[in-house]
C-alpha atoms as a PDB file:
ATOM      1  CA  UNK A   1       3.525   4.617 -20.063  1.00  0.00           C
ATOM      2  CA  UNK A   2       5.279   2.390 -21.613  1.00  0.00           C
ATOM      3  CA  UNK A   3       5.862  -1.510 -21.071  1.00  0.00           C
ATOM      4  CA  UNK A   4       9.306  -0.506 -19.282  1.00  0.00           C
ATOM      5  CA  UNK A   5       8.377   1.989 -17.113  1.00  0.00           C
ATOM      6  CA  UNK A   6       5.292  -0.193 -16.235  1.00  0.00           C
ATOM      7  CA  UNK A   7       8.175  -3.030 -15.420  1.00  0.00           C
ATOM      8  CA  UNK A   8      10.079  -0.480 -13.559  1.00  0.00           C
ATOM      9  CA  UNK A   9       7.897   0.494 -11.332  1.00  0.00           C
ATOM     10  CA  UNK A  10       6.857  -3.103 -10.903  1.00  0.00           C
ATOM     11  CA  UNK A  11      10.031  -3.560 -10.058  1.00  0.00           C
ATOM     12  CA  UNK A  12      10.403  -0.873  -7.821  1.00  0.00           C
ATOM     13  CA  UNK A  13       7.212  -2.027  -5.600  1.00  0.00           C
ATOM     14  CA  UNK A  14       8.790  -5.058  -5.268  1.00  0.00           C
ATOM     15  CA  UNK A  15      12.046  -4.720  -3.846  1.00  0.00           C
ATOM     16  CA  UNK A  16      10.404  -1.693  -1.686  1.00  0.00           C
ATOM     17  CA  UNK A  17       7.588  -3.648  -0.531  1.00  0.00           C
ATOM     18  CA  UNK A  18       9.946  -6.519   0.547  1.00  0.00           C
ATOM     19  CA  UNK A  19      12.234  -4.658   2.344  1.00  0.00           C
ATOM     20  CA  UNK A  20       9.164  -3.117   4.492  1.00  0.00           C
ATOM     21  CA  UNK A  21       7.147  -6.913   5.225  1.00  0.00           C
ATOM     22  CA  UNK A  22      10.917  -7.960   6.104  1.00  0.00           C
ATOM     23  CA  UNK A  23      11.350  -5.037   8.765  1.00  0.00           C
ATOM     24  CA  UNK A  24       7.673  -5.480  10.025  1.00  0.00           C
ATOM     25  CA  UNK A  25       8.158  -9.431  10.386  1.00  0.00           C
ATOM     26  CA  UNK A  26      11.489  -8.542  12.276  1.00  0.00           C
ATOM     27  CA  UNK A  27       9.736  -6.439  14.632  1.00  0.00           C
ATOM     28  CA  UNK A  28       6.189  -8.051  14.333  1.00  0.00           C
ATOM     29  CA  UNK A  29       5.159  -5.911  18.714  1.00  0.00           C
ATOM     30  CA  UNK A  30       6.318  -3.379  19.225  1.00  0.00           C
ATOM     31  CA  UNK A  31       5.147   0.547  18.524  1.00  0.00           C
ATOM     32  CA  UNK A  32       7.362   1.127  14.770  1.00  0.00           C
ATOM     33  CA  UNK A  33       6.057   4.559  14.060  1.00  0.00           C
ATOM     34  CA  UNK A  34       6.842   7.566  15.590  1.00  0.00           C
ATOM     35  CA  UNK A  35       5.450   9.408  18.926  1.00  0.00           C
ATOM     36  CA  UNK A  36       1.871  10.340  18.433  1.00  0.00           C
ATOM     37  CA  UNK A  37       0.885   7.132  15.634  1.00  0.00           C
ATOM     38  CA  UNK A  38       2.557   4.252  17.555  1.00  0.00           C
ATOM     39  CA  UNK A  39       1.658   1.410  15.511  1.00  0.00           C
ATOM     40  CA  UNK A  40       2.224  -2.032  15.193  1.00  0.00           C
ATOM     41  CA  UNK A  41       3.190  -3.634  11.786  1.00  0.00           C
ATOM     42  CA  UNK A  42      -0.382  -5.296  12.045  1.00  0.00           C
ATOM     43  CA  UNK A  43      -1.117  -1.122  11.877  1.00  0.00           C
ATOM     44  CA  UNK A  44       1.259  -0.526   9.044  1.00  0.00           C
ATOM     45  CA  UNK A  45      -0.233  -3.715   7.298  1.00  0.00           C
ATOM     46  CA  UNK A  46      -3.751  -3.547   6.946  1.00  0.00           C
ATOM     47  CA  UNK A  47      -2.814   0.305   6.418  1.00  0.00           C
ATOM     48  CA  UNK A  48      -1.139  -0.216   3.383  1.00  0.00           C
ATOM     49  CA  UNK A  49      -3.454  -2.973   2.139  1.00  0.00           C
ATOM     50  CA  UNK A  50      -6.485  -0.615   2.888  1.00  0.00           C
ATOM     51  CA  UNK A  51      -4.598   2.005   0.488  1.00  0.00           C
ATOM     52  CA  UNK A  52      -3.461  -0.739  -2.017  1.00  0.00           C
ATOM     53  CA  UNK A  53      -7.636  -2.495  -2.171  1.00  0.00           C
ATOM     54  CA  UNK A  54      -8.814   1.712  -2.738  1.00  0.00           C
ATOM     55  CA  UNK A  55      -6.077   1.914  -5.354  1.00  0.00           C
ATOM     56  CA  UNK A  56      -6.898  -1.600  -6.616  1.00  0.00           C
ATOM     57  CA  UNK A  57     -10.362  -0.745  -7.308  1.00  0.00           C
ATOM     58  CA  UNK A  58      -9.926   3.044  -8.383  1.00  0.00           C
ATOM     59  CA  UNK A  59      -7.515   1.464 -11.272  1.00  0.00           C
ATOM     60  CA  UNK A  60     -10.333  -0.842 -12.030  1.00  0.00           C
ATOM     61  CA  UNK A  61     -13.482   1.589 -12.268  1.00  0.00           C
ATOM     62  CA  UNK A  62     -11.353   3.838 -14.409  1.00  0.00           C
ATOM     63  CA  UNK A  63     -10.916   0.820 -16.918  1.00  0.00           C
ATOM     64  CA  UNK A  64     -14.180  -0.092 -17.103  1.00  0.00           C
ATOM     65  CA  UNK A  65     -15.954   3.452 -17.507  1.00  0.00           C
ATOM     66  CA  UNK A  66     -16.813   4.000 -14.250  1.00  0.00           C
ATOM     67  CA  UNK A  67     -16.016   6.601 -11.402  1.00  0.00           C
ATOM     68  CA  UNK A  68     -13.724   6.520  -8.928  1.00  0.00           C
ATOM     69  CA  UNK A  69     -14.136   7.063  -5.454  1.00  0.00           C
ATOM     70  CA  UNK A  70     -11.924  10.057  -3.602  1.00  0.00           C
ATOM     71  CA  UNK A  71     -11.049   9.341   0.007  1.00  0.00           C
ATOM     72  CA  UNK A  72      -8.415  11.863   1.317  1.00  0.00           C
ATOM     73  CA  UNK A  73      -5.696  10.321   3.130  1.00  0.00           C
ATOM     74  CA  UNK A  74      -6.038  12.016   6.650  1.00  0.00           C
ATOM     75  CA  UNK A  75      -5.201  11.454  10.245  1.00  0.00           C
ATOM     76  CA  UNK A  76      -8.674  11.099  10.854  1.00  0.00           C
ATOM     77  CA  UNK A  77      -9.070   8.628   8.323  1.00  0.00           C
ATOM     78  CA  UNK A  78      -5.517   6.464   8.988  1.00  0.00           C
ATOM     79  CA  UNK A  79      -6.705   6.932  12.975  1.00  0.00           C
ATOM     80  CA  UNK A  80     -10.579   5.422  12.048  1.00  0.00           C
ATOM     81  CA  UNK A  81      -9.203   2.273   9.937  1.00  0.00           C
ATOM     82  CA  UNK A  82      -6.406   1.553  12.551  1.00  0.00           C
ATOM     83  CA  UNK A  83      -9.665   1.391  15.499  1.00  0.00           C
ATOM     84  CA  UNK A  84     -11.546  -0.895  12.615  1.00  0.00           C
ATOM     85  CA  UNK A  85      -8.422  -3.292  12.622  1.00  0.00           C
ATOM     86  CA  UNK A  86      -7.370  -3.609  15.639  1.00  0.00           C
ATOM     87  CA  UNK A  87      -8.873  -6.925  15.965  1.00  0.00           C
ATOM     88  CA  UNK A  88      -6.800  -8.239  13.149  1.00  0.00           C
ATOM     89  CA  UNK A  89      -4.062 -10.562  14.074  1.00  0.00           C
ATOM     90  CA  UNK A  90      -0.871  -9.605  12.703  1.00  0.00           C
ATOM     91  CA  UNK A  91      -1.359 -12.645  10.663  1.00  0.00           C
ATOM     92  CA  UNK A  92      -4.228 -11.425   9.134  1.00  0.00           C
ATOM     93  CA  UNK A  93      -3.588  -7.971   7.951  1.00  0.00           C
ATOM     94  CA  UNK A  94       0.191  -9.851   6.856  1.00  0.00           C
ATOM     95  CA  UNK A  95      -1.784 -11.743   4.915  1.00  0.00           C
ATOM     96  CA  UNK A  96      -4.684  -8.889   3.555  1.00  0.00           C
ATOM     97  CA  UNK A  97      -1.426  -6.696   3.150  1.00  0.00           C
ATOM     98  CA  UNK A  98       0.361  -9.416   0.865  1.00  0.00           C
ATOM     99  CA  UNK A  99      -2.627 -10.584  -1.176  1.00  0.00           C
ATOM    100  CA  UNK A 100      -3.867  -7.053  -1.767  1.00  0.00           C
ATOM    101  CA  UNK A 101      -0.027  -6.617  -3.023  1.00  0.00           C
ATOM    102  CA  UNK A 102       0.067  -9.315  -4.977  1.00  0.00           C
ATOM    103  CA  UNK A 103      -3.862  -8.329  -6.581  1.00  0.00           C
ATOM    104  CA  UNK A 104      -2.069  -4.582  -7.394  1.00  0.00           C
ATOM    105  CA  UNK A 105       0.393  -6.761  -9.530  1.00  0.00           C
ATOM    106  CA  UNK A 106      -2.271  -8.928 -11.313  1.00  0.00           C
ATOM    107  CA  UNK A 107      -4.383  -5.062 -12.069  1.00  0.00           C
ATOM    108  CA  UNK A 108      -1.805  -3.146 -13.454  1.00  0.00           C
ATOM    109  CA  UNK A 109       0.011  -6.079 -15.652  1.00  0.00           C
ATOM    110  CA  UNK A 110      -3.060  -6.436 -17.301  1.00  0.00           C
ATOM    111  CA  UNK A 111      -3.970  -2.810 -18.366  1.00  0.00           C
ATOM    112  CA  UNK A 112      -2.927  -2.818 -22.118  1.00  0.00           C
ATOM    113  CA  UNK A 113      -0.441  -0.114 -22.772  1.00  0.00           C
ATOM    114  CA  UNK A 114      -2.558   2.051 -25.265  1.00  0.00           C
ATOM    115  CA  UNK A 115      -4.801   2.375 -21.676  1.00  0.00           C
ATOM    116  CA  UNK A 116      -2.710   4.388 -19.743  1.00  0.00           C
ATOM    117  CA  UNK A 117      -3.120   7.578 -18.986  1.00  0.00           C
ATOM    118  CA  UNK A 118      -2.035  10.579 -16.953  1.00  0.00           C
ATOM    119  CA  UNK A 119      -4.621   9.933 -14.304  1.00  0.00           C
ATOM    120  CA  UNK A 120      -4.495   6.242 -14.415  1.00  0.00           C
ATOM    121  CA  UNK A 121      -0.941   6.591 -13.991  1.00  0.00           C
ATOM    122  CA  UNK A 122      -0.836   8.632 -10.657  1.00  0.00           C
ATOM    123  CA  UNK A 123      -3.302   6.158  -9.024  1.00  0.00           C
ATOM    124  CA  UNK A 124      -1.141   3.194  -9.370  1.00  0.00           C
ATOM    125  CA  UNK A 125       1.821   5.222  -8.385  1.00  0.00           C
ATOM    126  CA  UNK A 126       0.125   6.975  -5.263  1.00  0.00           C
ATOM    127  CA  UNK A 127       0.218   3.391  -3.153  1.00  0.00           C
ATOM    128  CA  UNK A 128       3.058   2.131  -4.480  1.00  0.00           C
ATOM    129  CA  UNK A 129       6.892   1.920  -3.474  1.00  0.00           C
ATOM    130  CA  UNK A 130       7.067   5.493  -2.127  1.00  0.00           C
ATOM    131  CA  UNK A 131       4.281   4.699   0.275  1.00  0.00           C
ATOM    132  CA  UNK A 132       6.174   1.937   1.531  1.00  0.00           C
ATOM    133  CA  UNK A 133       9.170   3.950   1.704  1.00  0.00           C
ATOM    134  CA  UNK A 134       7.999   6.588   3.414  1.00  0.00           C
ATOM    135  CA  UNK A 135       6.353   4.099   6.055  1.00  0.00           C
ATOM    136  CA  UNK A 136       9.946   2.283   6.301  1.00  0.00           C
ATOM    137  CA  UNK A 137      11.779   6.126   6.434  1.00  0.00           C
ATOM    138  CA  UNK A 138       8.510   6.679   9.818  1.00  0.00           C
ATOM    139  CA  UNK A 139       9.136   3.362  11.481  1.00  0.00           C
ATOM    140  CA  UNK A 140      12.298   4.781  14.182  1.00  0.00           C
ATOM    141  CA  UNK A 141      15.331   3.341  14.085  1.00  0.00           C
ATOM    142  CA  UNK A 142      16.110   3.610  17.944  1.00  0.00           C
ATOM    143  CA  UNK A 143      13.709   0.924  18.714  1.00  0.00           C
ATOM    144  CA  UNK A 144      14.491  -1.777  15.997  1.00  0.00           C
END
């Protein structure tokens, strides 16, 4: 990826992150996802924080010559993490997600343009703006 593509990706990430965060913050307690996944704002913040942290770790590992950790995103993994994170407050989940998002930007900004390859780009993109959009679209409009 060249510097223009990186900046465009990060611009989209920031724009969609801001939209999702405003939406979550405007409905802090009610279930926001469709039936079968009655997630609240806390659950969604914690979910994206987990996945961004995973991507951040993988990007850093790849850059340092290490190996990446593959965790397949399944309903079972997401449910397990939701159960583990149920003890978090909304504020703690929001803070964790916001800090992890900012860390994501730092990691990506620190990558030299000539270090980018298909694998690194795939990792960077998998927990970016498209992930935030998917959660925004899952949020039930009738509840809002």
